[in-house]
Amino acid sequence: MGPPKTRFSAYMEFNSQWSKDHMDLPIGERGRRAAAVWYALSDAEKQAYTDTANAKKAVALIAYDKWMKESDPALLRQLNKQRAARGKARIVNHTLPKRPASAFIRFTNALRETAAPIPNMLEFSKECGVKWRALPDAEKEPYLKASQLAFAEWKKEETARKAASPHHPSP
């Protein structure tokens, strides 16, 4: 079984309620009329649907987080394999801590903070690569050390998280 659905919108909420009352119409006509009625509604009338959708989304996100924490990683790998075969995006556990930035990314972020507004990110990235390769090892050292420290801390937390997980037996 896959993760719970988390995408709810005010229009989806309106459309599901409106369509239940107009099941006698063909599906194409039902969709066209629902869209016309939706666009005719005022923002105040749409707010009720927005509130309902937001409430459902909050409940669904809690269920999604619970599913992510309790699901077996092997199941997640299997689902992602099936999704890849169908050309769909992978299911990613967004609750896990991200891997820390590399030394080059830290250097790029530092340059981005000091640079003027960047009109072209591609050109800026190329420029960063050239500057990084030209940088002497002594000047790279602070970025490398910060990256190594952050990675060691992340690795320690990751090992502790996996040891505490019921799906990762400790060695």
N, C-alpha and C. Protein backbone atom coordinates (compact mmCIF):
# COMPACT_ATOMS: atom_id res chain seq x y z
N MET A 1 0.84 -1.18 0.00
CA MET A 1 0.00 0.00 0.00
C MET A 1 0.89 1.24 0.00
N GLY A 2 0.56 2.20 -0.83
CA GLY A 2 1.34 3.42 -0.95
C GLY A 2 1.01 4.43 0.14
N PRO A 3 1.68 5.56 0.10
CA PRO A 3 1.45 6.58 1.11
C PRO A 3 0.08 7.23 0.94
N PRO A 4 -0.45 7.80 2.02
CA PRO A 4 -1.74 8.49 1.92
C PRO A 4 -1.63 9.71 1.00
N LYS A 5 -2.72 10.04 0.36
CA LYS A 5 -2.76 11.21 -0.51
C LYS A 5 -2.67 12.48 0.33
N THR A 6 -1.94 13.47 -0.17
CA THR A 6 -1.77 14.71 0.58
C THR A 6 -2.17 15.94 -0.22
N ARG A 7 -2.58 15.77 -1.44
CA ARG A 7 -2.88 16.93 -2.28
C ARG A 7 -4.38 17.21 -2.26
N PHE A 8 -4.72 18.31 -1.63
CA PHE A 8 -6.09 18.76 -1.57
C PHE A 8 -6.11 20.23 -1.96
N SER A 9 -7.09 20.61 -2.76
CA SER A 9 -7.22 22.03 -3.11
C SER A 9 -8.67 22.43 -2.91
N ALA A 10 -8.90 23.72 -2.85
CA ALA A 10 -10.26 24.22 -2.68
C ALA A 10 -11.12 23.81 -3.87
N TYR A 11 -10.57 23.88 -5.07
CA TYR A 11 -11.35 23.50 -6.25
C TYR A 11 -11.69 22.01 -6.23
N MET A 12 -10.74 21.18 -5.83
CA MET A 12 -11.03 19.73 -5.77
C MET A 12 -12.16 19.47 -4.78
N GLU A 13 -12.14 20.16 -3.66
CA GLU A 13 -13.18 20.01 -2.65
C GLU A 13 -14.54 20.44 -3.21
N PHE A 14 -14.56 21.60 -3.86
CA PHE A 14 -15.79 22.09 -4.48
C PHE A 14 -16.29 21.13 -5.55
N ASN A 15 -15.38 20.70 -6.41
CA ASN A 15 -15.76 19.83 -7.53
C ASN A 15 -16.33 18.51 -7.05
N SER A 16 -15.75 17.93 -6.00
CA SER A 16 -16.28 16.65 -5.51
C SER A 16 -17.69 16.83 -4.95
N GLN A 17 -17.94 17.92 -4.24
CA GLN A 17 -19.28 18.16 -3.70
C GLN A 17 -20.27 18.51 -4.80
N TRP A 18 -19.87 19.35 -5.73
CA TRP A 18 -20.76 19.78 -6.80
C TRP A 18 -21.10 18.60 -7.71
N SER A 19 -20.12 17.77 -7.99
CA SER A 19 -20.35 16.63 -8.89
C SER A 19 -21.31 15.62 -8.29
N LYS A 20 -21.29 15.45 -6.97
CA LYS A 20 -22.22 14.51 -6.33
C LYS A 20 -23.67 14.93 -6.55
N ASP A 21 -23.90 16.23 -6.61
CA ASP A 21 -25.26 16.73 -6.82
C ASP A 21 -25.68 16.73 -8.28
N HIS A 22 -24.75 16.50 -9.19
CA HIS A 22 -25.05 16.57 -10.62
C HIS A 22 -24.56 15.32 -11.35
N MET A 23 -24.81 14.17 -10.75
CA MET A 23 -24.35 12.91 -11.34
C MET A 23 -25.11 12.56 -12.62
N ASP A 24 -26.24 13.22 -12.87
CA ASP A 24 -27.02 12.94 -14.07
C ASP A 24 -26.34 13.47 -15.33
N LEU A 25 -25.40 14.40 -15.19
CA LEU A 25 -24.70 14.97 -16.34
C LEU A 25 -23.55 14.07 -16.77
N PRO A 26 -23.24 14.05 -18.08
CA PRO A 26 -22.05 13.33 -18.53
C PRO A 26 -20.80 13.95 -17.89
N ILE A 27 -19.76 13.16 -17.74
CA ILE A 27 -18.58 13.62 -16.99
C ILE A 27 -17.94 14.86 -17.59
N GLY A 28 -17.86 14.94 -18.90
CA GLY A 28 -17.26 16.12 -19.53
C GLY A 28 -18.07 17.38 -19.27
N GLU A 29 -19.37 17.26 -19.42
CA GLU A 29 -20.26 18.40 -19.17
C GLU A 29 -20.24 18.79 -17.70
N ARG A 30 -20.18 17.78 -16.85
CA ARG A 30 -20.13 18.03 -15.40
C ARG A 30 -18.87 18.84 -15.05
N GLY A 31 -17.75 18.48 -15.65
CA GLY A 31 -16.51 19.21 -15.40
C GLY A 31 -16.56 20.64 -15.90
N ARG A 32 -17.11 20.83 -17.09
CA ARG A 32 -17.22 22.18 -17.65
C ARG A 32 -18.12 23.07 -16.79
N ARG A 33 -19.26 22.52 -16.40
CA ARG A 33 -20.19 23.31 -15.59
C ARG A 33 -19.62 23.60 -14.20
N ALA A 34 -18.95 22.61 -13.62
CA ALA A 34 -18.35 22.82 -12.29
C ALA A 34 -17.32 23.94 -12.36
N ALA A 35 -16.51 23.95 -13.42
CA ALA A 35 -15.50 25.00 -13.58
C ALA A 35 -16.16 26.36 -13.74
N ALA A 36 -17.25 26.42 -14.52
CA ALA A 36 -17.94 27.69 -14.71
C ALA A 36 -18.53 28.20 -13.40
N VAL A 37 -19.13 27.31 -12.63
CA VAL A 37 -19.70 27.70 -11.34
C VAL A 37 -18.59 28.16 -10.40
N TRP A 38 -17.46 27.43 -10.41
CA TRP A 38 -16.33 27.79 -9.53
C TRP A 38 -15.83 29.20 -9.84
N TYR A 39 -15.66 29.51 -11.11
CA TYR A 39 -15.16 30.83 -11.48
C TYR A 39 -16.17 31.94 -11.16
N ALA A 40 -17.45 31.59 -11.10
CA ALA A 40 -18.48 32.58 -10.77
C ALA A 40 -18.56 32.85 -9.27
N LEU A 41 -18.01 31.96 -8.44
CA LEU A 41 -18.06 32.15 -6.99
C LEU A 41 -17.16 33.31 -6.56
N SER A 42 -17.59 34.00 -5.52
CA SER A 42 -16.76 35.07 -4.96
C SER A 42 -15.67 34.45 -4.09
N ASP A 43 -14.68 35.25 -3.73
CA ASP A 43 -13.61 34.76 -2.86
C ASP A 43 -14.15 34.34 -1.51
N ALA A 44 -15.16 35.04 -1.02
CA ALA A 44 -15.76 34.69 0.27
C ALA A 44 -16.44 33.32 0.20
N GLU A 45 -17.10 33.03 -0.92
CA GLU A 45 -17.75 31.73 -1.08
C GLU A 45 -16.72 30.61 -1.24
N LYS A 46 -15.61 30.92 -1.89
CA LYS A 46 -14.55 29.92 -2.08
C LYS A 46 -13.81 29.63 -0.78
N GLN A 47 -13.85 30.58 0.16
CA GLN A 47 -13.10 30.44 1.41
C GLN A 47 -13.53 29.20 2.19
N ALA A 48 -14.81 28.86 2.16
CA ALA A 48 -15.29 27.68 2.88
C ALA A 48 -14.62 26.42 2.33
N TYR A 49 -14.48 26.35 1.02
CA TYR A 49 -13.83 25.20 0.40
C TYR A 49 -12.33 25.20 0.70
N THR A 50 -11.74 26.38 0.74
CA THR A 50 -10.32 26.50 1.07
C THR A 50 -10.06 26.01 2.49
N ASP A 51 -10.92 26.42 3.41
CA ASP A 51 -10.76 26.00 4.81
C ASP A 51 -10.88 24.48 4.95
N THR A 52 -11.88 23.90 4.27
CA THR A 52 -12.07 22.45 4.32
C THR A 52 -10.86 21.73 3.73
N ALA A 53 -10.37 22.23 2.60
CA ALA A 53 -9.22 21.60 1.95
C ALA A 53 -7.98 21.69 2.83
N ASN A 54 -7.77 22.84 3.46
CA ASN A 54 -6.61 23.00 4.35
C ASN A 54 -6.70 22.07 5.55
N ALA A 55 -7.90 21.91 6.10
CA ALA A 55 -8.08 21.00 7.24
C ALA A 55 -7.78 19.57 6.83
N LYS A 56 -8.29 19.16 5.67
CA LYS A 56 -8.03 17.80 5.18
C LYS A 56 -6.55 17.60 4.89
N LYS A 57 -5.91 18.63 4.36
CA LYS A 57 -4.49 18.53 4.04
C LYS A 57 -3.66 18.37 5.31
N ALA A 58 -4.02 19.10 6.36
CA ALA A 58 -3.28 19.00 7.63
C ALA A 58 -3.39 17.59 8.20
N VAL A 59 -4.59 17.02 8.16
CA VAL A 59 -4.78 15.65 8.66
C VAL A 59 -4.01 14.66 7.78
N ALA A 60 -4.05 14.88 6.46
CA ALA A 60 -3.37 13.98 5.54
C ALA A 60 -1.85 14.05 5.71
N LEU A 61 -1.31 15.23 5.98
CA LEU A 61 0.14 15.35 6.18
C LEU A 61 0.58 14.63 7.45
N ILE A 62 -0.24 14.66 8.48
CA ILE A 62 0.07 13.91 9.70
C ILE A 62 0.07 12.42 9.40
N ALA A 63 -0.94 11.96 8.64
CA ALA A 63 -1.01 10.55 8.27
C ALA A 63 0.18 10.17 7.38
N TYR A 64 0.58 11.07 6.49
CA TYR A 64 1.71 10.81 5.59
C TYR A 64 3.01 10.67 6.39
N ASP A 65 3.23 11.60 7.34
CA ASP A 65 4.43 11.53 8.18
C ASP A 65 4.45 10.24 8.99
N LYS A 66 3.29 9.85 9.52
CA LYS A 66 3.19 8.61 10.29
C LYS A 66 3.51 7.42 9.38
N TRP A 67 2.97 7.43 8.17
CA TRP A 67 3.22 6.33 7.23
C TRP A 67 4.71 6.26 6.91
N MET A 68 5.34 7.42 6.70
CA MET A 68 6.76 7.44 6.37
C MET A 68 7.60 6.87 7.52
N LYS A 69 7.26 7.23 8.75
CA LYS A 69 8.03 6.76 9.90
C LYS A 69 7.85 5.27 10.15
N GLU A 70 6.65 4.76 9.87
CA GLU A 70 6.35 3.37 10.19
C GLU A 70 6.57 2.40 9.03
N SER A 71 6.71 2.92 7.81
CA SER A 71 6.83 2.01 6.67
C SER A 71 8.24 1.44 6.58
N ASP A 72 8.31 0.23 6.11
CA ASP A 72 9.57 -0.48 5.93
C ASP A 72 10.32 0.12 4.74
N PRO A 73 11.60 0.43 4.87
CA PRO A 73 12.35 0.97 3.73
C PRO A 73 12.34 0.04 2.51
N ALA A 74 12.23 -1.27 2.74
CA ALA A 74 12.16 -2.20 1.62
C ALA A 74 10.88 -1.97 0.82
N LEU A 75 9.78 -1.68 1.52
CA LEU A 75 8.51 -1.38 0.85
C LEU A 75 8.66 -0.09 0.03
N LEU A 76 9.31 0.90 0.60
CA LEU A 76 9.52 2.16 -0.10
C LEU A 76 10.36 1.95 -1.36
N ARG A 77 11.40 1.12 -1.27
CA ARG A 77 12.22 0.82 -2.45
C ARG A 77 11.39 0.11 -3.51
N GLN A 78 10.54 -0.83 -3.08
CA GLN A 78 9.69 -1.57 -4.03
C GLN A 78 8.70 -0.62 -4.71
N LEU A 79 8.06 0.24 -3.93
CA LEU A 79 7.11 1.20 -4.50
C LEU A 79 7.81 2.14 -5.48
N ASN A 80 9.01 2.59 -5.13
CA ASN A 80 9.74 3.50 -6.02
C ASN A 80 10.16 2.80 -7.30
N LYS A 81 10.47 1.52 -7.21
CA LYS A 81 10.82 0.75 -8.41
C LYS A 81 9.61 0.67 -9.34
N GLN A 82 8.44 0.40 -8.76
CA GLN A 82 7.21 0.33 -9.55
C GLN A 82 6.88 1.70 -10.16
N ARG A 83 7.06 2.76 -9.37
CA ARG A 83 6.77 4.10 -9.85
C ARG A 83 7.72 4.48 -10.99
N ALA A 84 8.99 4.11 -10.87
CA ALA A 84 9.97 4.42 -11.92
C ALA A 84 9.59 3.71 -13.22
N ALA A 85 9.09 2.48 -13.12
CA ALA A 85 8.69 1.74 -14.31
C ALA A 85 7.51 2.42 -15.00
N ARG A 86 6.67 3.11 -14.22
CA ARG A 86 5.52 3.82 -14.79
C ARG A 86 5.85 5.27 -15.13
N GLY A 87 7.11 5.68 -14.91
CA GLY A 87 7.51 7.04 -15.23
C GLY A 87 7.07 8.07 -14.20
N LYS A 88 6.78 7.64 -12.99
CA LYS A 88 6.34 8.56 -11.94
C LYS A 88 7.51 8.94 -11.04
N ALA A 89 7.34 10.02 -10.31
CA ALA A 89 8.39 10.50 -9.39
C ALA A 89 8.51 9.56 -8.19
N ARG A 90 9.71 9.53 -7.61
CA ARG A 90 9.95 8.70 -6.43
C ARG A 90 9.22 9.27 -5.23
N ILE A 91 8.91 8.39 -4.28
CA ILE A 91 8.39 8.80 -2.98
C ILE A 91 9.62 9.05 -2.12
N VAL A 92 9.74 10.27 -1.60
CA VAL A 92 10.90 10.65 -0.81
C VAL A 92 10.44 10.96 0.60
N ASN A 93 11.19 10.46 1.58
CA ASN A 93 10.88 10.74 2.97
C ASN A 93 11.47 12.11 3.33
N HIS A 94 10.61 13.12 3.35
CA HIS A 94 11.07 14.48 3.63
C HIS A 94 11.30 14.73 5.11
N THR A 95 10.98 13.76 5.94
CA THR A 95 11.19 13.94 7.38
C THR A 95 12.63 13.64 7.78
N LEU A 96 13.38 12.97 6.91
CA LEU A 96 14.76 12.63 7.24
C LEU A 96 15.66 13.86 7.12
N PRO A 97 16.69 13.96 7.97
CA PRO A 97 17.61 15.08 7.83
C PRO A 97 18.40 14.97 6.52
N LYS A 98 18.60 16.11 5.89
CA LYS A 98 19.31 16.12 4.61
C LYS A 98 20.80 15.98 4.84
N ARG A 99 21.46 15.41 3.84
CA ARG A 99 22.91 15.30 3.87
C ARG A 99 23.49 16.72 3.83
N PRO A 100 24.56 16.98 4.60
CA PRO A 100 25.09 18.35 4.64
C PRO A 100 25.73 18.77 3.32
N ALA A 101 25.87 20.06 3.16
CA ALA A 101 26.44 20.62 1.93
C ALA A 101 27.92 20.30 1.82
N SER A 102 28.36 20.09 0.59
CA SER A 102 29.78 19.83 0.34
C SER A 102 30.58 21.13 0.47
N ALA A 103 31.90 20.99 0.42
CA ALA A 103 32.77 22.16 0.53
C ALA A 103 32.51 23.13 -0.62
N PHE A 104 32.32 22.60 -1.82
CA PHE A 104 32.07 23.46 -2.97
C PHE A 104 30.74 24.22 -2.82
N ILE A 105 29.72 23.54 -2.35
CA ILE A 105 28.42 24.19 -2.16
C ILE A 105 28.53 25.28 -1.09
N ARG A 106 29.29 25.01 -0.04
CA ARG A 106 29.51 26.04 1.00
C ARG A 106 30.22 27.26 0.40
N PHE A 107 31.21 27.00 -0.45
CA PHE A 107 31.93 28.08 -1.12
C PHE A 107 30.97 28.88 -2.01
N THR A 108 30.15 28.17 -2.76
CA THR A 108 29.18 28.82 -3.65
C THR A 108 28.20 29.68 -2.85
N ASN A 109 27.72 29.14 -1.73
CA ASN A 109 26.79 29.91 -0.89
C ASN A 109 27.45 31.17 -0.34
N ALA A 110 28.73 31.06 0.03
CA ALA A 110 29.45 32.24 0.52
C ALA A 110 29.60 33.28 -0.58
N LEU A 111 29.89 32.83 -1.80
CA LEU A 111 29.99 33.77 -2.92
C LEU A 111 28.64 34.41 -3.22
N ARG A 112 27.58 33.63 -3.12
CA ARG A 112 26.24 34.14 -3.41
C ARG A 112 25.86 35.24 -2.42
N GLU A 113 26.28 35.10 -1.16
CA GLU A 113 25.96 36.11 -0.15
C GLU A 113 26.68 37.43 -0.43
N THR A 114 27.89 37.34 -0.97
CA THR A 114 28.68 38.56 -1.20
C THR A 114 28.47 39.15 -2.58
N ALA A 115 27.92 38.37 -3.51
CA ALA A 115 27.77 38.84 -4.89
C ALA A 115 26.56 39.77 -5.02
N ALA A 116 26.59 40.54 -6.09
CA ALA A 116 25.45 41.38 -6.45
C ALA A 116 24.32 40.45 -6.89
N PRO A 117 23.12 40.96 -7.08
CA PRO A 117 22.03 40.11 -7.55
C PRO A 117 22.45 39.32 -8.80
N ILE A 118 22.12 38.04 -8.79
CA ILE A 118 22.59 37.13 -9.84
C ILE A 118 21.53 37.02 -10.93
N PRO A 119 21.80 37.58 -12.12
CA PRO A 119 20.79 37.51 -13.18
C PRO A 119 20.72 36.14 -13.84
N ASN A 120 21.86 35.45 -13.94
CA ASN A 120 21.88 34.17 -14.64
C ASN A 120 22.57 33.15 -13.74
N MET A 121 21.80 32.23 -13.20
CA MET A 121 22.35 31.25 -12.26
C MET A 121 23.33 30.30 -12.94
N LEU A 122 23.10 29.97 -14.19
CA LEU A 122 24.00 29.07 -14.91
C LEU A 122 25.39 29.70 -15.04
N GLU A 123 25.43 30.96 -15.44
CA GLU A 123 26.72 31.64 -15.57
C GLU A 123 27.40 31.78 -14.21
N PHE A 124 26.61 32.07 -13.17
CA PHE A 124 27.16 32.19 -11.83
C PHE A 124 27.76 30.86 -11.39
N SER A 125 27.08 29.76 -11.67
CA SER A 125 27.58 28.44 -11.29
C SER A 125 28.89 28.11 -12.00
N LYS A 126 28.96 28.44 -13.29
CA LYS A 126 30.20 28.21 -14.04
C LYS A 126 31.34 29.03 -13.46
N GLU A 127 31.03 30.28 -13.14
CA GLU A 127 32.03 31.17 -12.55
C GLU A 127 32.51 30.63 -11.20
N CYS A 128 31.60 30.10 -10.41
CA CYS A 128 31.97 29.51 -9.11
C CYS A 128 32.90 28.32 -9.30
N GLY A 129 32.61 27.48 -10.29
CA GLY A 129 33.46 26.33 -10.56
C GLY A 129 34.87 26.74 -10.93
N VAL A 130 34.98 27.76 -11.77
CA VAL A 130 36.31 28.25 -12.17
C VAL A 130 37.05 28.80 -10.96
N LYS A 131 36.35 29.59 -10.14
CA LYS A 131 36.99 30.17 -8.95
C LYS A 131 37.41 29.08 -7.96
N TRP A 132 36.57 28.06 -7.79
CA TRP A 132 36.88 26.97 -6.84
C TRP A 132 38.13 26.22 -7.28
N ARG A 133 38.21 25.91 -8.57
CA ARG A 133 39.38 25.18 -9.07
C ARG A 133 40.65 26.02 -8.98
N ALA A 134 40.52 27.34 -9.09
CA ALA A 134 41.68 28.22 -9.01
C ALA A 134 42.07 28.55 -7.57
N LEU A 135 41.20 28.23 -6.63
CA LEU A 135 41.45 28.56 -5.23
C LEU A 135 42.57 27.69 -4.66
N PRO A 136 43.55 28.28 -3.98
CA PRO A 136 44.61 27.48 -3.36
C PRO A 136 44.04 26.61 -2.24
N ASP A 137 44.73 25.51 -1.95
CA ASP A 137 44.26 24.57 -0.93
C ASP A 137 44.09 25.24 0.43
N ALA A 138 44.94 26.18 0.74
CA ALA A 138 44.86 26.87 2.04
C ALA A 138 43.55 27.64 2.18
N GLU A 139 43.06 28.20 1.08
CA GLU A 139 41.80 28.95 1.13
C GLU A 139 40.59 28.03 1.07
N LYS A 140 40.77 26.81 0.55
CA LYS A 140 39.68 25.83 0.52
C LYS A 140 39.48 25.18 1.88
N GLU A 141 40.53 25.21 2.69
CA GLU A 141 40.54 24.48 3.97
C GLU A 141 39.34 24.78 4.88
N PRO A 142 38.94 26.04 5.09
CA PRO A 142 37.79 26.29 5.98
C PRO A 142 36.51 25.63 5.47
N TYR A 143 36.31 25.65 4.17
CA TYR A 143 35.12 25.03 3.59
C TYR A 143 35.17 23.51 3.74
N LEU A 144 36.37 22.94 3.50
CA LEU A 144 36.53 21.49 3.63
C LEU A 144 36.32 21.04 5.07
N LYS A 145 36.90 21.77 6.03
CA LYS A 145 36.75 21.40 7.44
C LYS A 145 35.30 21.49 7.89
N ALA A 146 34.63 22.57 7.51
CA ALA A 146 33.22 22.74 7.89
C ALA A 146 32.37 21.63 7.29
N SER A 147 32.67 21.28 6.06
CA SER A 147 31.93 20.21 5.39
C SER A 147 32.17 18.87 6.07
N GLN A 148 33.42 18.58 6.41
CA GLN A 148 33.75 17.30 7.06
C GLN A 148 33.12 17.21 8.45
N LEU A 149 33.13 18.31 9.21
CA LEU A 149 32.51 18.31 10.53
C LEU A 149 31.00 18.09 10.43
N ALA A 150 30.37 18.78 9.51
CA ALA A 150 28.92 18.63 9.33
C ALA A 150 28.58 17.22 8.89
N PHE A 151 29.40 16.65 8.00
CA PHE A 151 29.14 15.29 7.53
C PHE A 151 29.30 14.28 8.66
N ALA A 152 30.33 14.45 9.49
CA ALA A 152 30.54 13.53 10.61
C ALA A 152 29.36 13.59 11.58
N GLU A 153 28.87 14.80 11.85
CA GLU A 153 27.72 14.96 12.75
C GLU A 153 26.47 14.32 12.14
N TRP A 154 26.26 14.54 10.84
CA TRP A 154 25.11 13.95 10.15
C TRP A 154 25.20 12.43 10.17
N LYS A 155 26.40 11.90 9.93
CA LYS A 155 26.60 10.45 9.90
C LYS A 155 26.29 9.85 11.27
N LYS A 156 26.72 10.53 12.33
CA LYS A 156 26.46 10.05 13.69
C LYS A 156 24.95 10.03 13.96
N GLU A 157 24.26 11.09 13.58
CA GLU A 157 22.80 11.16 13.77
C GLU A 157 22.09 10.10 12.92
N GLU A 158 22.57 9.90 11.71
CA GLU A 158 21.97 8.91 10.81
C GLU A 158 22.13 7.50 11.37
N THR A 159 23.31 7.20 11.90
CA THR A 159 23.56 5.89 12.51
C THR A 159 22.65 5.68 13.71
N ALA A 160 22.51 6.71 14.54
CA ALA A 160 21.63 6.61 15.72
C ALA A 160 20.18 6.44 15.30
N ARG A 161 19.76 7.15 14.26
CA ARG A 161 18.38 7.04 13.77
C ARG A 161 18.10 5.63 13.25
N LYS A 162 19.05 5.09 12.49
CA LYS A 162 18.87 3.75 11.95
C LYS A 162 18.88 2.70 13.04
N ALA A 163 19.70 2.89 14.07
CA ALA A 163 19.75 1.94 15.19
C ALA A 163 18.43 1.95 15.96
N ALA A 164 17.79 3.11 16.05
CA ALA A 164 16.53 3.23 16.78
C ALA A 164 15.34 2.77 15.95
N SER A 165 15.50 2.65 14.65
CA SER A 165 14.40 2.27 13.77
C SER A 165 14.13 0.77 13.87
N PRO A 166 12.85 0.38 13.94
CA PRO A 166 12.53 -1.04 14.00
C PRO A 166 12.82 -1.76 12.69
N HIS A 167 12.98 -1.01 11.60
CA HIS A 167 13.22 -1.62 10.29
C HIS A 167 14.69 -1.80 9.98
N HIS A 168 15.57 -1.27 10.83
CA HIS A 168 17.01 -1.42 10.64
C HIS A 168 17.59 -2.13 11.85
N PRO A 169 17.71 -3.46 11.81
CA PRO A 169 18.27 -4.16 12.96
C PRO A 169 19.72 -3.74 13.19
N SER A 170 20.06 -3.57 14.46
CA SER A 170 21.44 -3.17 14.77
C SER A 170 22.38 -4.35 14.58
N PRO A 171 23.63 -4.10 14.18
CA PRO A 171 24.57 -5.19 13.90
C PRO A 171 25.04 -5.90 15.14
